[in-house]
Amino acid sequence: MKLGKYLILFLVLMALLIVFGNNGLIDNLVMKEKQNILKDANLQLVHENYRLKREIYLLKNDIRHIETVARNDLGMVMKGDIVYKHVDR
């Protein structure tokens, strides 16, 4: 009977170590969640890299894209364009 109590105590302690111990089931679940977060962040960076590579290609090779960027982002105008200014009073 005494051996049975020690065996049960040993099994309970081992179960606690497996679940809550260092590198146990809880740590494993936390690491899997972190891994999923990092995979999502990595995928976003892959998409951003693709977008930036496309932007670089267009800026090097497409004159219409360069003109669009110059007009929309930099506020530039071409010779002969009429510029209207709206003044609030």
PDB file of N, CA and C in Angstrom:
ATOM      1  N   MET A   1       0.823  -1.196   0.000  1.00  0.00           N
ATOM      2  CA  MET A   1       0.000   0.000   0.000  1.00  0.00           C
ATOM      3  C   MET A   1       0.860   1.249   0.000  1.00  0.00           C
ATOM      4  N   LYS A   2       1.960   1.204   0.758  1.00  0.00           N
ATOM      5  CA  LYS A   2       2.849   2.357   0.829  1.00  0.00           C
ATOM      6  C   LYS A   2       3.484   2.635  -0.539  1.00  0.00           C
ATOM      7  N   LEU A   3       3.822   1.585  -1.278  1.00  0.00           N
ATOM      8  CA  LEU A   3       4.421   1.729  -2.618  1.00  0.00           C
ATOM      9  C   LEU A   3       3.422   2.373  -3.576  1.00  0.00           C
ATOM     10  N   GLY A   4       2.153   2.053  -3.453  1.00  0.00           N
ATOM     11  CA  GLY A   4       1.111   2.619  -4.297  1.00  0.00           C
ATOM     12  C   GLY A   4       0.981   4.122  -4.094  1.00  0.00           C
ATOM     13  N   LYS A   5       1.081   4.608  -2.844  1.00  0.00           N
ATOM     14  CA  LYS A   5       1.001   6.041  -2.581  1.00  0.00           C
ATOM     15  C   LYS A   5       2.185   6.776  -3.195  1.00  0.00           C
ATOM     16  N   TYR A   6       3.375   6.175  -3.067  1.00  0.00           N
ATOM     17  CA  TYR A   6       4.566   6.796  -3.652  1.00  0.00           C
ATOM     18  C   TYR A   6       4.491   6.804  -5.173  1.00  0.00           C
ATOM     19  N   LEU A   7       3.951   5.736  -5.729  1.00  0.00           N
ATOM     20  CA  LEU A   7       3.804   5.658  -7.180  1.00  0.00           C
ATOM     21  C   LEU A   7       2.821   6.717  -7.680  1.00  0.00           C
ATOM     22  N   ILE A   8       1.703   6.892  -6.989  1.00  0.00           N
ATOM     23  CA  ILE A   8       0.728   7.909  -7.372  1.00  0.00           C
ATOM     24  C   ILE A   8       1.329   9.304  -7.220  1.00  0.00           C
ATOM     25  N   LEU A   9       2.035   9.547  -6.119  1.00  0.00           N
ATOM     26  CA  LEU A   9       2.690  10.834  -5.910  1.00  0.00           C
ATOM     27  C   LEU A   9       3.709  11.106  -7.015  1.00  0.00           C
ATOM     28  N   PHE A  10       4.484  10.079  -7.363  1.00  0.00           N
ATOM     29  CA  PHE A  10       5.482  10.213  -8.437  1.00  0.00           C
ATOM     30  C   PHE A  10       4.808  10.536  -9.766  1.00  0.00           C
ATOM     31  N   LEU A  11       3.714   9.845 -10.077  1.00  0.00           N
ATOM     32  CA  LEU A  11       3.015  10.087 -11.339  1.00  0.00           C
ATOM     33  C   LEU A  11       2.396  11.486 -11.389  1.00  0.00           C
ATOM     34  N   VAL A  12       1.872  11.955 -10.246  1.00  0.00           N
ATOM     35  CA  VAL A  12       1.317  13.306 -10.194  1.00  0.00           C
ATOM     36  C   VAL A  12       2.412  14.340 -10.407  1.00  0.00           C
ATOM     37  N   LEU A  13       3.538  14.157  -9.761  1.00  0.00           N
ATOM     38  CA  LEU A  13       4.654  15.087  -9.944  1.00  0.00           C
ATOM     39  C   LEU A  13       5.156  15.087 -11.387  1.00  0.00           C
ATOM     40  N   MET A  14       5.250  13.913 -11.969  1.00  0.00           N
ATOM     41  CA  MET A  14       5.698  13.831 -13.368  1.00  0.00           C
ATOM     42  C   MET A  14       4.691  14.515 -14.302  1.00  0.00           C
ATOM     43  N   ALA A  15       3.399  14.321 -14.025  1.00  0.00           N
ATOM     44  CA  ALA A  15       2.369  14.972 -14.845  1.00  0.00           C
ATOM     45  C   ALA A  15       2.475  16.492 -14.727  1.00  0.00           C
ATOM     46  N   LEU A  16       2.700  16.982 -13.509  1.00  0.00           N
ATOM     47  CA  LEU A  16       2.863  18.425 -13.318  1.00  0.00           C
ATOM     48  C   LEU A  16       4.090  18.949 -14.060  1.00  0.00           C
ATOM     49  N   LEU A  17       5.175  18.203 -14.013  1.00  0.00           N
ATOM     50  CA  LEU A  17       6.382  18.621 -14.736  1.00  0.00           C
ATOM     51  C   LEU A  17       6.156  18.616 -16.243  1.00  0.00           C
ATOM     52  N   ILE A  18       5.447  17.617 -16.725  1.00  0.00           N
ATOM     53  CA  ILE A  18       5.191  17.538 -18.172  1.00  0.00           C
ATOM     54  C   ILE A  18       4.328  18.710 -18.624  1.00  0.00           C
ATOM     55  N   VAL A  19       3.338  19.068 -17.830  1.00  0.00           N
ATOM     56  CA  VAL A  19       2.422  20.137 -18.233  1.00  0.00           C
ATOM     57  C   VAL A  19       3.025  21.512 -17.975  1.00  0.00           C
ATOM     58  N   PHE A  20       3.542  21.737 -16.758  1.00  0.00           N
ATOM     59  CA  PHE A  20       3.956  23.076 -16.363  1.00  0.00           C
ATOM     60  C   PHE A  20       5.467  23.280 -16.329  1.00  0.00           C
ATOM     61  N   GLY A  21       6.241  22.250 -16.510  1.00  0.00           N
ATOM     62  CA  GLY A  21       7.691  22.359 -16.393  1.00  0.00           C
ATOM     63  C   GLY A  21       8.318  23.103 -17.554  1.00  0.00           C
ATOM     64  N   ASN A  22       9.615  23.310 -17.434  1.00  0.00           N
ATOM     65  CA  ASN A  22      10.371  23.965 -18.496  1.00  0.00           C
ATOM     66  C   ASN A  22      10.278  23.113 -19.759  1.00  0.00           C
ATOM     67  N   ASN A  23       9.915  23.729 -20.883  1.00  0.00           N
ATOM     68  CA  ASN A  23       9.697  23.045 -22.155  1.00  0.00           C
ATOM     69  C   ASN A  23       8.547  22.051 -22.070  1.00  0.00           C
ATOM     70  N   GLY A  24       7.572  22.331 -21.230  1.00  0.00           N
ATOM     71  CA  GLY A  24       6.408  21.465 -21.086  1.00  0.00           C
ATOM     72  C   GLY A  24       5.337  21.809 -22.101  1.00  0.00           C
ATOM     73  N   LEU A  25       4.152  21.274 -21.874  1.00  0.00           N
ATOM     74  CA  LEU A  25       3.052  21.487 -22.812  1.00  0.00           C
ATOM     75  C   LEU A  25       2.634  22.948 -22.901  1.00  0.00           C
ATOM     76  N   ILE A  26       2.629  23.640 -21.784  1.00  0.00           N
ATOM     77  CA  ILE A  26       2.250  25.062 -21.785  1.00  0.00           C
ATOM     78  C   ILE A  26       3.253  25.873 -22.618  1.00  0.00           C
ATOM     79  N   ASP A  27       4.546  25.626 -22.379  1.00  0.00           N
ATOM     80  CA  ASP A  27       5.577  26.328 -23.164  1.00  0.00           C
ATOM     81  C   ASP A  27       5.455  26.002 -24.643  1.00  0.00           C
ATOM     82  N   ASN A  28       5.111  24.760 -24.942  1.00  0.00           N
ATOM     83  CA  ASN A  28       4.953  24.341 -26.326  1.00  0.00           C
ATOM     84  C   ASN A  28       3.811  25.106 -26.992  1.00  0.00           C
ATOM     85  N   LEU A  29       2.700  25.258 -26.304  1.00  0.00           N
ATOM     86  CA  LEU A  29       1.576  26.014 -26.866  1.00  0.00           C
ATOM     87  C   LEU A  29       1.931  27.481 -27.069  1.00  0.00           C
ATOM     88  N   VAL A  30       2.643  28.065 -26.121  1.00  0.00           N
ATOM     89  CA  VAL A  30       3.060  29.470 -26.237  1.00  0.00           C
ATOM     90  C   VAL A  30       3.996  29.635 -27.432  1.00  0.00           C
ATOM     91  N   MET A  31       4.924  28.724 -27.597  1.00  0.00           N
ATOM     92  CA  MET A  31       5.873  28.803 -28.718  1.00  0.00           C
ATOM     93  C   MET A  31       5.174  28.630 -30.059  1.00  0.00           C
ATOM     94  N   LYS A  32       4.168  27.754 -30.125  1.00  0.00           N
ATOM     95  CA  LYS A  32       3.429  27.589 -31.381  1.00  0.00           C
ATOM     96  C   LYS A  32       2.671  28.864 -31.735  1.00  0.00           C
ATOM     97  N   GLU A  33       2.107  29.536 -30.727  1.00  0.00           N
ATOM     98  CA  GLU A  33       1.409  30.799 -30.975  1.00  0.00           C
ATOM     99  C   GLU A  33       2.386  31.871 -31.468  1.00  0.00           C
ATOM    100  N   LYS A  34       3.557  31.942 -30.840  1.00  0.00           N
ATOM    101  CA  LYS A  34       4.574  32.899 -31.296  1.00  0.00           C
ATOM    102  C   LYS A  34       5.025  32.578 -32.715  1.00  0.00           C
ATOM    103  N   GLN A  35       5.151  31.296 -33.021  1.00  0.00           N
ATOM    104  CA  GLN A  35       5.559  30.885 -34.361  1.00  0.00           C
ATOM    105  C   GLN A  35       4.516  31.323 -35.390  1.00  0.00           C
ATOM    106  N   ASN A  36       3.238  31.167 -35.065  1.00  0.00           N
ATOM    107  CA  ASN A  36       2.187  31.598 -35.991  1.00  0.00           C
ATOM    108  C   ASN A  36       2.218  33.106 -36.208  1.00  0.00           C
ATOM    109  N   ILE A  37       2.461  33.855 -35.145  1.00  0.00           N
ATOM    110  CA  ILE A  37       2.554  35.314 -35.264  1.00  0.00           C
ATOM    111  C   ILE A  37       3.730  35.695 -36.155  1.00  0.00           C
ATOM    112  N   LEU A  38       4.865  35.031 -35.963  1.00  0.00           N
ATOM    113  CA  LEU A  38       6.049  35.331 -36.772  1.00  0.00           C
ATOM    114  C   LEU A  38       5.842  34.926 -38.233  1.00  0.00           C
ATOM    115  N   LYS A  39       5.135  33.834 -38.470  1.00  0.00           N
ATOM    116  CA  LYS A  39       4.845  33.437 -39.854  1.00  0.00           C
ATOM    117  C   LYS A  39       3.982  34.483 -40.547  1.00  0.00           C
ATOM    118  N   ASP A  40       2.977  35.003 -39.827  1.00  0.00           N
ATOM    119  CA  ASP A  40       2.125  36.048 -40.407  1.00  0.00           C
ATOM    120  C   ASP A  40       2.932  37.313 -40.700  1.00  0.00           C
ATOM    121  N   ALA A  41       3.804  37.698 -39.771  1.00  0.00           N
ATOM    122  CA  ALA A  41       4.641  38.883 -39.986  1.00  0.00           C
ATOM    123  C   ALA A  41       5.576  38.667 -41.168  1.00  0.00           C
ATOM    124  N   ASN A  42       6.109  37.473 -41.282  1.00  0.00           N
ATOM    125  CA  ASN A  42       7.008  37.146 -42.393  1.00  0.00           C
ATOM    126  C   ASN A  42       6.260  37.226 -43.725  1.00  0.00           C
ATOM    127  N   LEU A  43       5.043  36.727 -43.761  1.00  0.00           N
ATOM    128  CA  LEU A  43       4.252  36.780 -44.988  1.00  0.00           C
ATOM    129  C   LEU A  43       3.964  38.232 -45.378  1.00  0.00           C
ATOM    130  N   GLN A  44       3.666  39.074 -44.405  1.00  0.00           N
ATOM    131  CA  GLN A  44       3.446  40.495 -44.689  1.00  0.00           C
ATOM    132  C   GLN A  44       4.708  41.139 -45.255  1.00  0.00           C
ATOM    133  N   LEU A  45       5.867  40.761 -44.715  1.00  0.00           N
ATOM    134  CA  LEU A  45       7.121  41.317 -45.225  1.00  0.00           C
ATOM    135  C   LEU A  45       7.410  40.830 -46.644  1.00  0.00           C
ATOM    136  N   VAL A  46       7.056  39.596 -46.944  1.00  0.00           N
ATOM    137  CA  VAL A  46       7.235  39.080 -48.304  1.00  0.00           C
ATOM    138  C   VAL A  46       6.386  39.887 -49.283  1.00  0.00           C
ATOM    139  N   HIS A  47       5.145  40.166 -48.903  1.00  0.00           N
ATOM    140  CA  HIS A  47       4.270  40.967 -49.770  1.00  0.00           C
ATOM    141  C   HIS A  47       4.799  42.395 -49.918  1.00  0.00           C
ATOM    142  N   GLU A  48       5.273  42.960 -48.826  1.00  0.00           N
ATOM    143  CA  GLU A  48       5.833  44.319 -48.885  1.00  0.00           C
ATOM    144  C   GLU A  48       7.074  44.353 -49.779  1.00  0.00           C
ATOM    145  N   ASN A  49       7.938  43.340 -49.672  1.00  0.00           N
ATOM    146  CA  ASN A  49       9.124  43.267 -50.534  1.00  0.00           C
ATOM    147  C   ASN A  49       8.726  43.177 -52.001  1.00  0.00           C
ATOM    148  N   TYR A  50       7.711  42.371 -52.298  1.00  0.00           N
ATOM    149  CA  TYR A  50       7.255  42.254 -53.681  1.00  0.00           C
ATOM    150  C   TYR A  50       6.750  43.610 -54.185  1.00  0.00           C
ATOM    151  N   ARG A  51       5.955  44.301 -53.346  1.00  0.00           N
ATOM    152  CA  ARG A  51       5.427  45.605 -53.743  1.00  0.00           C
ATOM    153  C   ARG A  51       6.555  46.605 -53.984  1.00  0.00           C
ATOM    154  N   LEU A  52       7.564  46.601 -53.110  1.00  0.00           N
ATOM    155  CA  LEU A  52       8.676  47.534 -53.270  1.00  0.00           C
ATOM    156  C   LEU A  52       9.526  47.198 -54.499  1.00  0.00           C
ATOM    157  N   LYS A  53       9.729  45.913 -54.781  1.00  0.00           N
ATOM    158  CA  LYS A  53      10.480  45.534 -55.984  1.00  0.00           C
ATOM    159  C   LYS A  53       9.740  45.975 -57.245  1.00  0.00           C
ATOM    160  N   ARG A  54       8.416  45.832 -57.225  1.00  0.00           N
ATOM    161  CA  ARG A  54       7.619  46.278 -58.372  1.00  0.00           C
ATOM    162  C   ARG A  54       7.710  47.794 -58.524  1.00  0.00           C
ATOM    163  N   GLU A  55       7.654  48.501 -57.404  1.00  0.00           N
ATOM    164  CA  GLU A  55       7.766  49.964 -57.445  1.00  0.00           C
ATOM    165  C   GLU A  55       9.131  50.385 -58.001  1.00  0.00           C
ATOM    166  N   ILE A  56      10.190  49.725 -57.573  1.00  0.00           N
ATOM    167  CA  ILE A  56      11.534  50.032 -58.074  1.00  0.00           C
ATOM    168  C   ILE A  56      11.611  49.789 -59.572  1.00  0.00           C
ATOM    169  N   TYR A  57      11.063  48.648 -60.017  1.00  0.00           N
ATOM    170  CA  TYR A  57      11.082  48.335 -61.438  1.00  0.00           C
ATOM    171  C   TYR A  57      10.349  49.408 -62.238  1.00  0.00           C
ATOM    172  N   LEU A  58       9.161  49.805 -61.750  1.00  0.00           N
ATOM    173  CA  LEU A  58       8.396  50.823 -62.471  1.00  0.00           C
ATOM    174  C   LEU A  58       9.114  52.163 -62.485  1.00  0.00           C
ATOM    175  N   LEU A  59       9.758  52.532 -61.379  1.00  0.00           N
ATOM    176  CA  LEU A  59      10.470  53.813 -61.346  1.00  0.00           C
ATOM    177  C   LEU A  59      11.693  53.803 -62.260  1.00  0.00           C
ATOM    178  N   LYS A  60      12.274  52.648 -62.482  1.00  0.00           N
ATOM    179  CA  LYS A  60      13.432  52.566 -63.374  1.00  0.00           C
ATOM    180  C   LYS A  60      13.026  52.482 -64.840  1.00  0.00           C
ATOM    181  N   ASN A  61      11.863  51.904 -65.137  1.00  0.00           N
ATOM    182  CA  ASN A  61      11.556  51.545 -66.523  1.00  0.00           C
ATOM    183  C   ASN A  61      10.295  52.167 -67.117  1.00  0.00           C
ATOM    184  N   ASP A  62       9.410  52.737 -66.318  1.00  0.00           N
ATOM    185  CA  ASP A  62       8.129  53.209 -66.847  1.00  0.00           C
ATOM    186  C   ASP A  62       8.025  54.721 -66.666  1.00  0.00           C
ATOM    187  N   ILE A  63       8.126  55.454 -67.754  1.00  0.00           N
ATOM    188  CA  ILE A  63       8.118  56.911 -67.703  1.00  0.00           C
ATOM    189  C   ILE A  63       6.763  57.446 -67.245  1.00  0.00           C
ATOM    190  N   ARG A  64       5.675  56.750 -67.613  1.00  0.00           N
ATOM    191  CA  ARG A  64       4.348  57.201 -67.154  1.00  0.00           C
ATOM    192  C   ARG A  64       4.203  57.057 -65.646  1.00  0.00           C
ATOM    193  N   HIS A  65       4.767  56.008 -65.099  1.00  0.00           N
ATOM    194  CA  HIS A  65       4.718  55.832 -63.642  1.00  0.00           C
ATOM    195  C   HIS A  65       5.532  56.921 -62.944  1.00  0.00           C
ATOM    196  N   ILE A  66       6.685  57.240 -63.500  1.00  0.00           N
ATOM    197  CA  ILE A  66       7.513  58.311 -62.927  1.00  0.00           C
ATOM    198  C   ILE A  66       6.738  59.630 -62.944  1.00  0.00           C
ATOM    199  N   GLU A  67       6.059  59.900 -64.048  1.00  0.00           N
ATOM    200  CA  GLU A  67       5.278  61.130 -64.147  1.00  0.00           C
ATOM    201  C   GLU A  67       4.135  61.133 -63.126  1.00  0.00           C
ATOM    202  N   THR A  68       3.479  60.003 -62.970  1.00  0.00           N
ATOM    203  CA  THR A  68       2.389  59.907 -61.993  1.00  0.00           C
ATOM    204  C   THR A  68       2.890  60.159 -60.582  1.00  0.00           C
ATOM    205  N   VAL A  69       4.022  59.563 -60.236  1.00  0.00           N
ATOM    206  CA  VAL A  69       4.594  59.765 -58.902  1.00  0.00           C
ATOM    207  C   VAL A  69       4.988  61.221 -58.716  1.00  0.00           C
ATOM    208  N   ALA A  70       5.597  61.806 -59.733  1.00  0.00           N
ATOM    209  CA  ALA A  70       6.022  63.203 -59.629  1.00  0.00           C
ATOM    210  C   ALA A  70       4.821  64.128 -59.450  1.00  0.00           C
ATOM    211  N   ARG A  71       3.738  63.860 -60.146  1.00  0.00           N
ATOM    212  CA  ARG A  71       2.558  64.712 -60.037  1.00  0.00           C
ATOM    213  C   ARG A  71       1.817  64.496 -58.707  1.00  0.00           C
ATOM    214  N   ASN A  72       1.550  63.248 -58.362  1.00  0.00           N
ATOM    215  CA  ASN A  72       0.707  62.959 -57.201  1.00  0.00           C
ATOM    216  C   ASN A  72       1.459  63.080 -55.874  1.00  0.00           C
ATOM    217  N   ASP A  73       2.658  62.538 -55.812  1.00  0.00           N
ATOM    218  CA  ASP A  73       3.382  62.499 -54.538  1.00  0.00           C
ATOM    219  C   ASP A  73       4.223  63.744 -54.305  1.00  0.00           C
ATOM    220  N   LEU A  74       4.789  64.293 -55.369  1.00  0.00           N
ATOM    221  CA  LEU A  74       5.699  65.420 -55.214  1.00  0.00           C
ATOM    222  C   LEU A  74       5.065  66.757 -55.584  1.00  0.00           C
ATOM    223  N   GLY A  75       3.871  66.736 -56.153  1.00  0.00           N
ATOM    224  CA  GLY A  75       3.173  67.980 -56.483  1.00  0.00           C
ATOM    225  C   GLY A  75       3.776  68.721 -57.653  1.00  0.00           C
ATOM    226  N   MET A  76       4.473  68.056 -58.520  1.00  0.00           N
ATOM    227  CA  MET A  76       5.101  68.711 -59.662  1.00  0.00           C
ATOM    228  C   MET A  76       4.083  68.892 -60.791  1.00  0.00           C
ATOM    229  N   VAL A  77       4.335  69.880 -61.638  1.00  0.00           N
ATOM    230  CA  VAL A  77       3.500  70.136 -62.800  1.00  0.00           C
ATOM    231  C   VAL A  77       4.387  70.216 -64.030  1.00  0.00           C
ATOM    232  N   MET A  78       3.778  69.943 -65.174  1.00  0.00           N
ATOM    233  CA  MET A  78       4.533  70.026 -66.429  1.00  0.00           C
ATOM    234  C   MET A  78       4.367  71.409 -67.023  1.00  0.00           C
ATOM    235  N   LYS A  79       5.268  71.748 -67.882  1.00  0.00           N
ATOM    236  CA  LYS A  79       5.196  73.021 -68.586  1.00  0.00           C
ATOM    237  C   LYS A  79       3.901  73.044 -69.392  1.00  0.00           C
ATOM    238  N   GLY A  80       3.165  74.133 -69.243  1.00  0.00           N
ATOM    239  CA  GLY A  80       1.912  74.273 -69.955  1.00  0.00           C
ATOM    240  C   GLY A  80       0.696  73.877 -69.126  1.00  0.00           C
ATOM    241  N   ASP A  81       0.886  73.249 -67.975  1.00  0.00           N
ATOM    242  CA  ASP A  81      -0.245  72.907 -67.108  1.00  0.00           C
ATOM    243  C   ASP A  81      -0.782  74.155 -66.444  1.00  0.00           C
ATOM    244  N   ILE A  82      -2.066  74.177 -66.222  1.00  0.00           N
ATOM    245  CA  ILE A  82      -2.700  75.284 -65.512  1.00  0.00           C
ATOM    246  C   ILE A  82      -2.911  74.839 -64.071  1.00  0.00           C
ATOM    247  N   VAL A  83      -2.427  75.663 -63.150  1.00  0.00           N
ATOM    248  CA  VAL A  83      -2.514  75.333 -61.732  1.00  0.00           C
ATOM    249  C   VAL A  83      -3.536  76.254 -61.085  1.00  0.00           C
ATOM    250  N   TYR A  84      -4.478  75.666 -60.391  1.00  0.00           N
ATOM    251  CA  TYR A  84      -5.494  76.423 -59.656  1.00  0.00           C
ATOM    252  C   TYR A  84      -5.193  76.332 -58.178  1.00  0.00           C
ATOM    253  N   LYS A  85      -5.272  77.475 -57.487  1.00  0.00           N
ATOM    254  CA  LYS A  85      -5.076  77.485 -56.030  1.00  0.00           C
ATOM    255  C   LYS A  85      -6.383  77.906 -55.398  1.00  0.00           C
ATOM    256  N   HIS A  86      -6.784  77.178 -54.397  1.00  0.00           N
ATOM    257  CA  HIS A  86      -7.995  77.496 -53.660  1.00  0.00           C
ATOM    258  C   HIS A  86      -7.579  78.221 -52.376  1.00  0.00           C
ATOM    259  N   VAL A  87      -8.042  79.471 -52.234  1.00  0.00           N
ATOM    260  CA  VAL A  87      -7.672  80.291 -51.079  1.00  0.00           C
ATOM    261  C   VAL A  87      -8.887  80.433 -50.187  1.00  0.00           C
ATOM    262  N   ASP A  88      -8.769  80.043 -48.934  1.00  0.00           N
ATOM    263  CA  ASP A  88      -9.843  80.229 -47.957  1.00  0.00           C
ATOM    264  C   ASP A  88      -9.758  81.626 -47.372  1.00  0.00           C
ATOM    265  N   ARG A  89     -10.889  82.260 -47.151  1.00  0.00           N
ATOM    266  CA  ARG A  89     -10.887  83.614 -46.574  1.00  0.00           C
ATOM    267  C   ARG A  89     -11.486  83.584 -45.201  1.00  0.00           C
TER     268      ARG A  89
END
